[in-house]
PDB file of N, CA and C in Angstrom:
ATOM      1  N   MET A   1      64.735  72.035 143.168  1.00  0.00           N
ATOM      2  CA  MET A   1      65.650  72.067 142.058  1.00  0.00           C
ATOM      3  C   MET A   1      65.438  70.841 141.190  1.00  0.00           C
ATOM      4  N   PHE A   2      65.422  71.067 139.893  1.00  0.00           N
ATOM      5  CA  PHE A   2      65.243  69.994 138.933  1.00  0.00           C
ATOM      6  C   PHE A   2      66.505  69.880 138.057  1.00  0.00           C
ATOM      7  N   CYS A   3      66.685  68.738 137.474  1.00  0.00           N
ATOM      8  CA  CYS A   3      67.715  68.612 136.446  1.00  0.00           C
ATOM      9  C   CYS A   3      67.086  67.884 135.268  1.00  0.00           C
ATOM     10  N   VAL A   4      67.575  68.247 134.092  1.00  0.00           N
ATOM     11  CA  VAL A   4      67.087  67.664 132.862  1.00  0.00           C
ATOM     12  C   VAL A   4      68.227  66.840 132.292  1.00  0.00           C
ATOM     13  N   ILE A   5      67.923  65.602 131.961  1.00  0.00           N
ATOM     14  CA  ILE A   5      68.980  64.668 131.512  1.00  0.00           C
ATOM     15  C   ILE A   5      68.758  64.350 130.027  1.00  0.00           C
ATOM     16  N   TYR A   6      69.835  64.511 129.273  1.00  0.00           N
ATOM     17  CA  TYR A   6      69.818  64.211 127.845  1.00  0.00           C
ATOM     18  C   TYR A   6      70.821  63.107 127.557  1.00  0.00           C
ATOM     19  N   ARG A   7      70.493  62.252 126.607  1.00  0.00           N
ATOM     20  CA  ARG A   7      71.448  61.223 126.183  1.00  0.00           C
ATOM     21  C   ARG A   7      72.059  61.650 124.851  1.00  0.00           C
ATOM     22  N   SER A   8      73.270  61.215 124.629  1.00  0.00           N
ATOM     23  CA  SER A   8      73.981  61.574 123.400  1.00  0.00           C
ATOM     24  C   SER A   8      73.576  60.658 122.266  1.00  0.00           C
ATOM     25  N   ASN A   9      73.459  61.217 121.068  1.00  0.00           N
ATOM     26  CA  ASN A   9      73.187  60.384 119.903  1.00  0.00           C
ATOM     27  C   ASN A   9      74.492  59.917 119.257  1.00  0.00           C
ATOM     28  N   LYS A  10      75.634  60.397 119.744  1.00  0.00           N
ATOM     29  CA  LYS A  10      76.928  59.997 119.203  1.00  0.00           C
ATOM     30  C   LYS A  10      77.660  59.003 120.087  1.00  0.00           C
ATOM     31  N   ARG A  11      77.448  59.082 121.383  1.00  0.00           N
ATOM     32  CA  ARG A  11      78.222  58.277 122.326  1.00  0.00           C
ATOM     33  C   ARG A  11      77.280  57.474 123.227  1.00  0.00           C
ATOM     34  N   ASP A  12      77.397  56.178 123.137  1.00  0.00           N
ATOM     35  CA  ASP A  12      76.547  55.276 123.916  1.00  0.00           C
ATOM     36  C   ASP A  12      76.789  55.474 125.413  1.00  0.00           C
ATOM     37  N   GLN A  13      75.747  55.449 126.205  1.00  0.00           N
ATOM     38  CA  GLN A  13      75.791  55.549 127.668  1.00  0.00           C
ATOM     39  C   GLN A  13      76.417  56.856 128.150  1.00  0.00           C
ATOM     40  N   THR A  14      76.267  57.933 127.373  1.00  0.00           N
ATOM     41  CA  THR A  14      76.768  59.237 127.761  1.00  0.00           C
ATOM     42  C   THR A  14      75.588  60.173 127.933  1.00  0.00           C
ATOM     43  N   TYR A  15      75.535  60.827 129.106  1.00  0.00           N
ATOM     44  CA  TYR A  15      74.408  61.660 129.444  1.00  0.00           C
ATOM     45  C   TYR A  15      74.875  63.048 129.891  1.00  0.00           C
ATOM     46  N   LEU A  16      74.076  64.064 129.584  1.00  0.00           N
ATOM     47  CA  LEU A  16      74.360  65.429 129.958  1.00  0.00           C
ATOM     48  C   LEU A  16      73.210  65.934 130.828  1.00  0.00           C
ATOM     49  N   TYR A  17      73.544  66.385 132.034  1.00  0.00           N
ATOM     50  CA  TYR A  17      72.573  66.921 132.966  1.00  0.00           C
ATOM     51  C   TYR A  17      72.679  68.443 132.928  1.00  0.00           C
ATOM     52  N   VAL A  18      71.539  69.116 132.781  1.00  0.00           N
ATOM     53  CA  VAL A  18      71.498  70.574 132.829  1.00  0.00           C
ATOM     54  C   VAL A  18      70.348  71.008 133.746  1.00  0.00           C
ATOM     55  N   GLU A  19      70.360  72.292 134.086  1.00  0.00           N
ATOM     56  CA  GLU A  19      69.356  72.797 135.037  1.00  0.00           C
ATOM     57  C   GLU A  19      67.988  73.064 134.405  1.00  0.00           C
ATOM     58  N   LYS A  20      67.980  73.490 133.142  1.00  0.00           N
ATOM     59  CA  LYS A  20      66.723  73.854 132.498  1.00  0.00           C
ATOM     60  C   LYS A  20      66.616  73.163 131.156  1.00  0.00           C
ATOM     61  N   LYS A  21      65.396  72.798 130.804  1.00  0.00           N
ATOM     62  CA  LYS A  21      65.156  72.100 129.541  1.00  0.00           C
ATOM     63  C   LYS A  21      65.626  72.946 128.365  1.00  0.00           C
ATOM     64  N   ASP A  22      66.402  72.295 127.477  1.00  0.00           N
ATOM     65  CA  ASP A  22      66.910  72.885 126.248  1.00  0.00           C
ATOM     66  C   ASP A  22      67.796  74.121 126.462  1.00  0.00           C
ATOM     67  N   ASP A  23      68.355  74.283 127.671  1.00  0.00           N
ATOM     68  CA  ASP A  23      69.268  75.398 127.943  1.00  0.00           C
ATOM     69  C   ASP A  23      70.682  74.830 128.079  1.00  0.00           C
ATOM     70  N   PHE A  24      71.447  74.962 126.998  1.00  0.00           N
ATOM     71  CA  PHE A  24      72.824  74.487 126.975  1.00  0.00           C
ATOM     72  C   PHE A  24      73.811  75.644 126.975  1.00  0.00           C
ATOM     73  N   SER A  25      73.357  76.816 127.419  1.00  0.00           N
ATOM     74  CA  SER A  25      74.163  78.031 127.368  1.00  0.00           C
ATOM     75  C   SER A  25      75.448  77.948 128.214  1.00  0.00           C
ATOM     76  N   ARG A  26      75.437  77.148 129.267  1.00  0.00           N
ATOM     77  CA  ARG A  26      76.618  77.043 130.132  1.00  0.00           C
ATOM     78  C   ARG A  26      77.477  75.822 129.799  1.00  0.00           C
ATOM     79  N   VAL A  27      77.093  75.064 128.776  1.00  0.00           N
ATOM     80  CA  VAL A  27      77.856  73.889 128.363  1.00  0.00           C
ATOM     81  C   VAL A  27      78.864  74.339 127.306  1.00  0.00           C
ATOM     82  N   PRO A  28      80.148  74.005 127.465  1.00  0.00           N
ATOM     83  CA  PRO A  28      81.163  74.394 126.474  1.00  0.00           C
ATOM     84  C   PRO A  28      80.810  73.901 125.072  1.00  0.00           C
ATOM     85  N   GLU A  29      81.101  74.741 124.092  1.00  0.00           N
ATOM     86  CA  GLU A  29      80.775  74.448 122.703  1.00  0.00           C
ATOM     87  C   GLU A  29      81.449  73.151 122.227  1.00  0.00           C
ATOM     88  N   GLU A  30      82.704  72.938 122.601  1.00  0.00           N
ATOM     89  CA  GLU A  30      83.402  71.722 122.204  1.00  0.00           C
ATOM     90  C   GLU A  30      82.758  70.461 122.760  1.00  0.00           C
ATOM     91  N   LEU A  31      82.277  70.562 123.993  1.00  0.00           N
ATOM     92  CA  LEU A  31      81.597  69.405 124.598  1.00  0.00           C
ATOM     93  C   LEU A  31      80.320  69.091 123.815  1.00  0.00           C
ATOM     94  N   MET A  32      79.590  70.143 123.435  1.00  0.00           N
ATOM     95  CA  MET A  32      78.333  69.931 122.679  1.00  0.00           C
ATOM     96  C   MET A  32      78.630  69.321 121.314  1.00  0.00           C
ATOM     97  N   LYS A  33      79.721  69.710 120.677  1.00  0.00           N
ATOM     98  CA  LYS A  33      80.073  69.119 119.387  1.00  0.00           C
ATOM     99  C   LYS A  33      80.325  67.614 119.512  1.00  0.00           C
ATOM    100  N   GLY A  34      81.069  67.239 120.555  1.00  0.00           N
ATOM    101  CA  GLY A  34      81.378  65.838 120.769  1.00  0.00           C
ATOM    102  C   GLY A  34      80.187  65.041 121.267  1.00  0.00           C
ATOM    103  N   PHE A  35      79.285  65.688 121.956  1.00  0.00           N
ATOM    104  CA  PHE A  35      78.106  65.044 122.523  1.00  0.00           C
ATOM    105  C   PHE A  35      77.094  64.734 121.436  1.00  0.00           C
ATOM    106  N   GLY A  36      76.992  65.602 120.448  1.00  0.00           N
ATOM    107  CA  GLY A  36      76.029  65.413 119.386  1.00  0.00           C
ATOM    108  C   GLY A  36      74.674  66.002 119.713  1.00  0.00           C
ATOM    109  N   GLU A  37      73.658  65.565 119.017  1.00  0.00           N
ATOM    110  CA  GLU A  37      72.299  66.042 119.212  1.00  0.00           C
ATOM    111  C   GLU A  37      71.741  65.503 120.518  1.00  0.00           C
ATOM    112  N   PRO A  38      71.450  66.389 121.504  1.00  0.00           N
ATOM    113  CA  PRO A  38      70.905  65.916 122.782  1.00  0.00           C
ATOM    114  C   PRO A  38      69.509  65.349 122.597  1.00  0.00           C
ATOM    115  N   ARG A  39      69.259  64.197 123.183  1.00  0.00           N
ATOM    116  CA  ARG A  39      67.944  63.545 123.164  1.00  0.00           C
ATOM    117  C   ARG A  39      67.421  63.506 124.580  1.00  0.00           C
ATOM    118  N   LEU A  40      66.293  64.111 124.835  1.00  0.00           N
ATOM    119  CA  LEU A  40      65.705  64.172 126.187  1.00  0.00           C
ATOM    120  C   LEU A  40      65.510  62.767 126.728  1.00  0.00           C
ATOM    121  N   ALA A  41      66.065  62.502 127.888  1.00  0.00           N
ATOM    122  CA  ALA A  41      65.911  61.212 128.540  1.00  0.00           C
ATOM    123  C   ALA A  41      64.908  61.302 129.676  1.00  0.00           C
ATOM    124  N   MET A  42      65.080  62.311 130.559  1.00  0.00           N
ATOM    125  CA  MET A  42      64.143  62.472 131.670  1.00  0.00           C
ATOM    126  C   MET A  42      64.366  63.779 132.410  1.00  0.00           C
ATOM    127  N   ILE A  43      63.414  64.133 133.234  1.00  0.00           N
ATOM    128  CA  ILE A  43      63.513  65.295 134.119  1.00  0.00           C
ATOM    129  C   ILE A  43      63.341  64.772 135.533  1.00  0.00           C
ATOM    130  N   LEU A  44      64.288  65.131 136.411  1.00  0.00           N
ATOM    131  CA  LEU A  44      64.285  64.632 137.795  1.00  0.00           C
ATOM    132  C   LEU A  44      64.340  65.763 138.796  1.00  0.00           C
ATOM    133  N   PRO A  45      63.576  65.635 139.886  1.00  0.00           N
ATOM    134  CA  PRO A  45      63.764  66.598 140.980  1.00  0.00           C
ATOM    135  C   PRO A  45      65.018  66.221 141.761  1.00  0.00           C
ATOM    136  N   LEU A  46      65.802  67.229 142.151  1.00  0.00           N
ATOM    137  CA  LEU A  46      67.010  66.956 142.928  1.00  0.00           C
ATOM    138  C   LEU A  46      66.821  67.296 144.396  1.00  0.00           C
ATOM    139  N   ASP A  47      65.622  67.571 144.802  1.00  0.00           N
ATOM    140  CA  ASP A  47      65.380  67.935 146.197  1.00  0.00           C
ATOM    141  C   ASP A  47      65.052  66.733 147.079  1.00  0.00           C
ATOM    142  N   GLY A  48      64.420  65.735 146.523  1.00  0.00           N
ATOM    143  CA  GLY A  48      63.971  64.607 147.327  1.00  0.00           C
ATOM    144  C   GLY A  48      64.939  63.457 147.298  1.00  0.00           C
ATOM    145  N   SER A  49      64.816  62.632 146.302  1.00  0.00           N
ATOM    146  CA  SER A  49      65.606  61.406 146.176  1.00  0.00           C
ATOM    147  C   SER A  49      67.093  61.695 146.043  1.00  0.00           C
ATOM    148  N   LYS A  50      67.889  60.848 146.651  1.00  0.00           N
ATOM    149  CA  LYS A  50      69.337  60.999 146.533  1.00  0.00           C
ATOM    150  C   LYS A  50      69.923  59.837 145.759  1.00  0.00           C
ATOM    151  N   LYS A  51      69.142  59.213 144.912  1.00  0.00           N
ATOM    152  CA  LYS A  51      69.602  58.072 144.131  1.00  0.00           C
ATOM    153  C   LYS A  51      69.557  58.392 142.647  1.00  0.00           C
ATOM    154  N   LEU A  52      70.676  58.223 141.999  1.00  0.00           N
ATOM    155  CA  LEU A  52      70.749  58.323 140.548  1.00  0.00           C
ATOM    156  C   LEU A  52      71.355  57.024 140.071  1.00  0.00           C
ATOM    157  N   ALA A  53      70.980  56.607 138.888  1.00  0.00           N
ATOM    158  CA  ALA A  53      71.408  55.294 138.380  1.00  0.00           C
ATOM    159  C   ALA A  53      72.931  55.102 138.366  1.00  0.00           C
ATOM    160  N   ASN A  54      73.635  55.945 137.666  1.00  0.00           N
ATOM    161  CA  ASN A  54      75.080  55.742 137.534  1.00  0.00           C
ATOM    162  C   ASN A  54      75.856  57.021 137.768  1.00  0.00           C
ATOM    163  N   ALA A  55      75.349  57.873 138.630  1.00  0.00           N
ATOM    164  CA  ALA A  55      76.034  59.122 138.967  1.00  0.00           C
ATOM    165  C   ALA A  55      75.875  59.412 140.434  1.00  0.00           C
ATOM    166  N   ASP A  56      76.843  60.097 140.981  1.00  0.00           N
ATOM    167  CA  ASP A  56      76.815  60.475 142.403  1.00  0.00           C
ATOM    168  C   ASP A  56      75.919  61.714 142.554  1.00  0.00           C
ATOM    169  N   PHE A  57      74.871  61.583 143.357  1.00  0.00           N
ATOM    170  CA  PHE A  57      73.873  62.632 143.546  1.00  0.00           C
ATOM    171  C   PHE A  57      74.527  63.960 143.944  1.00  0.00           C
ATOM    172  N   ASP A  58      75.389  63.936 144.940  1.00  0.00           N
ATOM    173  CA  ASP A  58      75.997  65.169 145.426  1.00  0.00           C
ATOM    174  C   ASP A  58      76.913  65.821 144.388  1.00  0.00           C
ATOM    175  N   LYS A  59      77.636  65.002 143.634  1.00  0.00           N
ATOM    176  CA  LYS A  59      78.499  65.540 142.571  1.00  0.00           C
ATOM    177  C   LYS A  59      77.666  66.202 141.477  1.00  0.00           C
ATOM    178  N   VAL A  60      76.563  65.562 141.106  1.00  0.00           N
ATOM    179  CA  VAL A  60      75.687  66.123 140.074  1.00  0.00           C
ATOM    180  C   VAL A  60      75.136  67.453 140.542  1.00  0.00           C
ATOM    181  N   LYS A  61      74.625  67.499 141.745  1.00  0.00           N
ATOM    182  CA  LYS A  61      74.027  68.717 142.293  1.00  0.00           C
ATOM    183  C   LYS A  61      75.042  69.837 142.356  1.00  0.00           C
ATOM    184  N   GLN A  62      76.254  69.517 142.811  1.00  0.00           N
ATOM    185  CA  GLN A  62      77.315  70.529 142.939  1.00  0.00           C
ATOM    186  C   GLN A  62      77.775  71.028 141.567  1.00  0.00           C
ATOM    187  N   ALA A  63      77.913  70.115 140.612  1.00  0.00           N
ATOM    188  CA  ALA A  63      78.328  70.504 139.249  1.00  0.00           C
ATOM    189  C   ALA A  63      77.284  71.399 138.595  1.00  0.00           C
ATOM    190  N   LEU A  64      76.025  71.096 138.793  1.00  0.00           N
ATOM    191  CA  LEU A  64      74.964  71.930 138.239  1.00  0.00           C
ATOM    192  C   LEU A  64      75.028  73.339 138.834  1.00  0.00           C
ATOM    193  N   LYS A  65      75.285  73.415 140.125  1.00  0.00           N
ATOM    194  CA  LYS A  65      75.356  74.700 140.789  1.00  0.00           C
ATOM    195  C   LYS A  65      76.595  75.489 140.315  1.00  0.00           C
ATOM    196  N   ASP A  66      77.734  74.809 140.256  1.00  0.00           N
ATOM    197  CA  ASP A  66      79.001  75.487 139.932  1.00  0.00           C
ATOM    198  C   ASP A  66      79.193  75.797 138.445  1.00  0.00           C
ATOM    199  N   GLN A  67      78.920  74.830 137.587  1.00  0.00           N
ATOM    200  CA  GLN A  67      79.218  75.033 136.166  1.00  0.00           C
ATOM    201  C   GLN A  67      77.992  74.962 135.247  1.00  0.00           C
ATOM    202  N   GLY A  68      76.836  74.565 135.791  1.00  0.00           N
ATOM    203  CA  GLY A  68      75.618  74.549 134.993  1.00  0.00           C
ATOM    204  C   GLY A  68      75.358  73.296 134.243  1.00  0.00           C
ATOM    205  N   TYR A  69      76.241  72.277 134.363  1.00  0.00           N
ATOM    206  CA  TYR A  69      76.030  70.994 133.696  1.00  0.00           C
ATOM    207  C   TYR A  69      76.860  69.916 134.394  1.00  0.00           C
ATOM    208  N   TYR A  70      76.486  68.675 134.100  1.00  0.00           N
ATOM    209  CA  TYR A  70      77.234  67.522 134.574  1.00  0.00           C
ATOM    210  C   TYR A  70      77.266  66.515 133.440  1.00  0.00           C
ATOM    211  N   LEU A  71      78.411  66.001 133.115  1.00  0.00           N
ATOM    212  CA  LEU A  71      78.568  65.008 132.041  1.00  0.00           C
ATOM    213  C   LEU A  71      78.782  63.638 132.652  1.00  0.00           C
ATOM    214  N   GLN A  72      77.909  62.691 132.346  1.00  0.00           N
ATOM    215  CA  GLN A  72      78.028  61.332 132.835  1.00  0.00           C
ATOM    216  C   GLN A  72      78.560  60.460 131.690  1.00  0.00           C
ATOM    217  N   LEU A  73      79.744  59.919 131.894  1.00  0.00           N
ATOM    218  CA  LEU A  73      80.383  59.055 130.901  1.00  0.00           C
ATOM    219  C   LEU A  73      80.091  57.596 131.220  1.00  0.00           C
ATOM    220  N   PRO A  74      80.210  56.731 130.222  1.00  0.00           N
ATOM    221  CA  PRO A  74      79.975  55.301 130.482  1.00  0.00           C
ATOM    222  C   PRO A  74      81.075  54.734 131.366  1.00  0.00           C
ATOM    223  N   PRO A  75      80.763  53.685 132.093  1.00  0.00           N
ATOM    224  CA  PRO A  75      81.792  53.034 132.902  1.00  0.00           C
ATOM    225  C   PRO A  75      82.872  52.459 132.009  1.00  0.00           C
ATOM    226  N   PRO A  76      84.112  52.404 132.512  1.00  0.00           N
ATOM    227  CA  PRO A  76      85.183  51.849 131.685  1.00  0.00           C
ATOM    228  C   PRO A  76      84.911  50.382 131.379  1.00  0.00           C
ATOM    229  N   PRO A  77      85.356  49.927 130.229  1.00  0.00           N
ATOM    230  CA  PRO A  77      85.134  48.506 129.875  1.00  0.00           C
ATOM    231  C   PRO A  77      85.911  47.587 130.802  1.00  0.00           C
ATOM    232  N   GLU A  78      85.348  46.453 131.070  1.00  0.00           N
ATOM    233  CA  GLU A  78      86.038  45.482 131.911  1.00  0.00           C
ATOM    234  C   GLU A  78      87.185  44.865 131.146  1.00  0.00           C
ATOM    235  N   SER A  79      88.254  44.629 131.861  1.00  0.00           N
ATOM    236  CA  SER A  79      89.410  44.002 131.233  1.00  0.00           C
ATOM    237  C   SER A  79      89.197  42.485 131.207  1.00  0.00           C
ATOM    238  N   LEU A  80      89.044  41.939 130.022  1.00  0.00           N
ATOM    239  CA  LEU A  80      88.831  40.503 129.905  1.00  0.00           C
ATOM    240  C   LEU A  80      90.076  39.734 130.339  1.00  0.00           C
ATOM    241  N   LEU A  81      91.248  40.273 130.079  1.00  0.00           N
ATOM    242  CA  LEU A  81      92.485  39.622 130.504  1.00  0.00           C
ATOM    243  C   LEU A  81      92.550  39.553 132.031  1.00  0.00           C
ATOM    244  N   LYS A  82      92.213  40.654 132.685  1.00  0.00           N
ATOM    245  CA  LYS A  82      92.252  40.678 134.150  1.00  0.00           C
ATOM    246  C   LYS A  82      91.256  39.664 134.727  1.00  0.00           C
ATOM    247  N   MET A  83      90.062  39.618 134.149  1.00  0.00           N
ATOM    248  CA  MET A  83      89.045  38.678 134.605  1.00  0.00           C
ATOM    249  C   MET A  83      89.542  37.238 134.435  1.00  0.00           C
ATOM    250  N   HIS A  84      90.168  36.933 133.314  1.00  0.00           N
ATOM    251  CA  HIS A  84      90.688  35.586 133.022  1.00  0.00           C
ATOM    252  C   HIS A  84      91.775  35.224 134.041  1.00  0.00           C
ATOM    253  N   LEU A  85      92.689  36.156 134.303  1.00  0.00           N
ATOM    254  CA  LEU A  85      93.793  35.868 135.239  1.00  0.00           C
ATOM    255  C   LEU A  85      93.277  35.669 136.664  1.00  0.00           C
ATOM    256  N   GLU A  86      92.241  36.398 137.039  1.00  0.00           N
ATOM    257  CA  GLU A  86      91.677  36.241 138.366  1.00  0.00           C
ATOM    258  C   GLU A  86      90.995  34.883 138.528  1.00  0.00           C
ATOM    259  N   LYS A  87      90.376  34.404 137.471  1.00  0.00           N
ATOM    260  CA  LYS A  87      89.678  33.119 137.523  1.00  0.00           C
ATOM    261  C   LYS A  87      90.635  31.946 137.369  1.00  0.00           C
ATOM    262  N   ASN A  88      91.763  32.195 136.736  1.00  0.00           N
ATOM    263  CA  ASN A  88      92.735  31.127 136.462  1.00  0.00           C
ATOM    264  C   ASN A  88      94.127  31.527 136.974  1.00  0.00           C
ATOM    265  N   PRO A  89      94.305  31.604 138.270  1.00  0.00           N
ATOM    266  CA  PRO A  89      95.634  32.005 138.785  1.00  0.00           C
ATOM    267  C   PRO A  89      96.700  30.954 138.455  1.00  0.00           C
ATOM    268  N   LYS A  90      97.926  31.446 138.325  1.00  0.00           N
ATOM    269  CA  LYS A  90      99.049  30.528 138.053  1.00  0.00           C
ATOM    270  C   LYS A  90      99.253  29.594 139.245  1.00  0.00           C
ATOM    271  N   LYS A  91      99.578  28.368 138.940  1.00  0.00           N
ATOM    272  CA  LYS A  91      99.779  27.395 140.024  1.00  0.00           C
ATOM    273  C   LYS A  91     101.219  27.112 140.252  1.00  0.00           C
TER     274      LYS A  91
END
């Protein structure tokens, strides 16, 4: 099994995984509108390696099987206030 990964031209660090190259037939239309023009990032086999950069391998594989796509969103931004408070606790 392979997956094809596209990056969004509208949203930074947002990726769409599909089963077949240029086949977005199972991806909801509204999602595609928000995603923008898909830009091919890479093609990966899902049979061997169980490591993906910022996505859970098993979740990706299951989502591809169940719904035909997986959407990888960017990690939430770090809270600068929280980081400051952790480094400078009240005395």
